[in-house]
Amino acid sequence: MKELVAKIQEQINAFSENAGMQVEKNNKAAGARARKASLELEKLLKEFRKVSITASK
């Protein structure tokens, strides 16, 4: 579970950094990286939900 949370935090940081670069500097490549990070975040958050539910039983 700790590893999963660390991966989620890593993806949040990557998304935040790249999305900021896209907004502030109009960096198209950063926008693509932010979108990729958001997709990975979606997968990790779904996995977290599964693990969390299992752990609470």
Protein backbone atom coordinates (compact mmCIF):
# COMPACT_ATOMS: atom_id res chain seq x y z
CA MET A 1 0.00 0.00 0.00
CA LYS A 2 2.87 2.39 0.82
CA GLU A 3 4.42 1.78 -2.59
CA LEU A 4 1.11 2.51 -4.28
CA VAL A 5 0.70 5.79 -2.38
CA ALA A 6 4.28 6.76 -3.31
CA LYS A 7 3.55 6.07 -7.00
CA ILE A 8 0.37 8.15 -6.80
CA GLN A 9 2.27 11.04 -5.22
CA GLU A 10 4.95 10.80 -7.93
CA GLN A 11 2.32 10.99 -10.68
CA ILE A 12 0.55 13.90 -8.98
CA ASN A 13 3.84 15.80 -8.89
CA ALA A 14 4.55 15.00 -12.54
CA PHE A 15 1.07 16.09 -13.57
CA SER A 16 1.25 19.31 -11.59
CA GLU A 17 4.65 20.25 -12.97
CA ASN A 18 3.76 19.52 -16.58
CA ALA A 19 0.30 21.07 -16.45
CA GLY A 20 1.83 24.21 -14.99
CA MET A 21 4.37 24.37 -17.79
CA GLN A 22 1.61 23.99 -20.36
CA VAL A 23 -0.50 26.76 -18.83
CA GLU A 24 2.31 29.20 -18.05
CA LYS A 25 4.63 28.67 -21.01
CA ASN A 26 2.23 27.18 -23.58
CA ASN A 27 4.49 24.12 -23.78
CA LYS A 28 2.66 21.55 -25.93
CA ALA A 29 4.99 18.68 -25.02
CA ALA A 30 4.37 19.33 -21.32
CA GLY A 31 0.64 19.12 -22.05
CA ALA A 32 1.12 15.68 -23.56
CA ARG A 33 3.13 14.57 -20.52
CA ALA A 34 0.42 15.94 -18.20
CA ARG A 35 -2.26 13.98 -20.06
CA LYS A 36 -0.16 10.82 -19.84
CA ALA A 37 0.33 11.36 -16.10
CA SER A 38 -3.43 11.85 -15.66
CA LEU A 39 -4.14 8.50 -17.32
CA GLU A 40 -1.59 6.78 -15.11
CA LEU A 41 -3.10 8.50 -12.07
CA GLU A 42 -6.52 7.17 -13.00
CA LYS A 43 -5.19 3.61 -13.05
CA LEU A 44 -3.32 4.03 -9.77
CA LEU A 45 -6.30 5.58 -8.01
CA LYS A 46 -8.56 2.72 -9.10
CA GLU A 47 -5.98 0.27 -7.76
CA PHE A 48 -5.81 2.23 -4.50
CA ARG A 49 -9.58 1.99 -4.17
CA LYS A 50 -9.46 -1.80 -4.60
CA VAL A 51 -6.64 -2.21 -2.09
CA SER A 52 -8.26 0.15 0.39
CA ILE A 53 -11.58 -1.67 0.28
CA THR A 54 -9.86 -5.03 0.72
CA ALA A 55 -7.83 -3.73 3.67
CA SER A 56 -10.90 -2.36 5.42
CA LYS A 57 -12.70 -5.72 5.41
